[in-house]
Amino acid sequence: MMMRSILVVALVVALAACGRKGMPERPDDAVYPRDYPYTPLPAEPKKKTPDPTTNSAY
């Protein structure tokens, strides 16, 4: 019985200690962007087409 109550208290204390990590307070002078800049992906390299006059793929 005593071991179970110690375990429950330890769990409650552990959960209470990490409660503020999920919702930190926002600093007063912070400015966060609403829209991020557009960064296009690099173009994919063109694939080599096999030569129709030979049997090889390259």
C-alpha atoms as a PDB file:
ATOM      1  CA  MET A   1       0.000   0.000   0.000  1.00  0.00           C
ATOM      2  CA  MET A   2       2.804   2.413   0.898  1.00  0.00           C
ATOM      3  CA  MET A   3       4.708   1.598  -2.303  1.00  0.00           C
ATOM      4  CA  ARG A   4       1.647   2.295  -4.440  1.00  0.00           C
ATOM      5  CA  SER A   5       1.057   5.715  -2.873  1.00  0.00           C
ATOM      6  CA  ILE A   6       4.715   6.658  -3.394  1.00  0.00           C
ATOM      7  CA  LEU A   7       4.431   5.617  -7.035  1.00  0.00           C
ATOM      8  CA  VAL A   8       1.265   7.679  -7.531  1.00  0.00           C
ATOM      9  CA  VAL A   9       2.837  10.745  -5.914  1.00  0.00           C
ATOM     10  CA  ALA A  10       5.953  10.367  -8.077  1.00  0.00           C
ATOM     11  CA  LEU A  11       3.802  10.174 -11.234  1.00  0.00           C
ATOM     12  CA  VAL A  12       1.778  13.244 -10.251  1.00  0.00           C
ATOM     13  CA  VAL A  13       4.921  15.253  -9.524  1.00  0.00           C
ATOM     14  CA  ALA A  14       6.522  14.182 -12.821  1.00  0.00           C
ATOM     15  CA  LEU A  15       3.441  15.158 -14.831  1.00  0.00           C
ATOM     16  CA  ALA A  16       3.062  18.481 -13.044  1.00  0.00           C
ATOM     17  CA  ALA A  17       6.701  19.397 -13.709  1.00  0.00           C
ATOM     18  CA  CYS A  18       6.392  19.109 -17.485  1.00  0.00           C
ATOM     19  CA  GLY A  19       3.061  20.904 -17.841  1.00  0.00           C
ATOM     20  CA  ARG A  20       4.462  24.303 -18.919  1.00  0.00           C
ATOM     21  CA  LYS A  21       6.617  22.936 -21.735  1.00  0.00           C
ATOM     22  CA  GLY A  22       3.649  22.569 -24.054  1.00  0.00           C
ATOM     23  CA  MET A  23       2.554  26.232 -23.883  1.00  0.00           C
ATOM     24  CA  PRO A  24       5.481  28.624 -23.340  1.00  0.00           C
ATOM     25  CA  GLU A  25       4.736  32.302 -22.823  1.00  0.00           C
ATOM     26  CA  ARG A  26       5.297  34.545 -25.830  1.00  0.00           C
ATOM     27  CA  PRO A  27       7.906  37.309 -25.297  1.00  0.00           C
ATOM     28  CA  ASP A  28       6.525  40.864 -25.373  1.00  0.00           C
ATOM     29  CA  ASP A  29       8.824  42.136 -28.136  1.00  0.00           C
ATOM     30  CA  ALA A  30       8.650  39.064 -30.378  1.00  0.00           C
ATOM     31  CA  VAL A  31       7.407  39.354 -33.961  1.00  0.00           C
ATOM     32  CA  TYR A  32       6.615  36.082 -35.669  1.00  0.00           C
ATOM     33  CA  PRO A  33       6.067  35.835 -39.429  1.00  0.00           C
ATOM     34  CA  ARG A  34       2.554  35.076 -40.590  1.00  0.00           C
ATOM     35  CA  ASP A  35       3.674  33.969 -44.064  1.00  0.00           C
ATOM     36  CA  TYR A  36       6.914  32.249 -44.895  1.00  0.00           C
ATOM     37  CA  PRO A  37       8.827  33.166 -48.080  1.00  0.00           C
ATOM     38  CA  TYR A  38       8.282  31.013 -51.140  1.00  0.00           C
ATOM     39  CA  THR A  39      11.298  28.793 -51.746  1.00  0.00           C
ATOM     40  CA  PRO A  40      10.862  26.700 -54.885  1.00  0.00           C
ATOM     41  CA  LEU A  41      12.403  23.272 -55.120  1.00  0.00           C
ATOM     42  CA  PRO A  42      15.372  22.876 -57.464  1.00  0.00           C
ATOM     43  CA  ALA A  43      14.566  21.611 -60.950  1.00  0.00           C
ATOM     44  CA  GLU A  44      14.991  17.897 -61.484  1.00  0.00           C
ATOM     45  CA  PRO A  45      17.777  16.915 -63.870  1.00  0.00           C
ATOM     46  CA  LYS A  46      16.619  15.652 -67.238  1.00  0.00           C
ATOM     47  CA  LYS A  47      16.813  11.902 -67.712  1.00  0.00           C
ATOM     48  CA  LYS A  48      18.938  10.516 -70.499  1.00  0.00           C
ATOM     49  CA  THR A  49      16.897   9.038 -73.301  1.00  0.00           C
ATOM     50  CA  PRO A  50      18.165   5.808 -74.814  1.00  0.00           C
ATOM     51  CA  ASP A  51      19.482   5.926 -78.354  1.00  0.00           C
ATOM     52  CA  PRO A  52      16.971   4.135 -80.608  1.00  0.00           C
ATOM     53  CA  THR A  53      19.713   3.045 -83.062  1.00  0.00           C
ATOM     54  CA  THR A  54      21.517   0.898 -80.467  1.00  0.00           C
ATOM     55  CA  ASN A  55      20.405  -1.866 -78.140  1.00  0.00           C
ATOM     56  CA  SER A  56      22.033  -0.328 -75.064  1.00  0.00           C
ATOM     57  CA  ALA A  57      20.087   1.798 -72.630  1.00  0.00           C
ATOM     58  CA  TYR A  58      22.759   4.545 -72.542  1.00  0.00           C
END
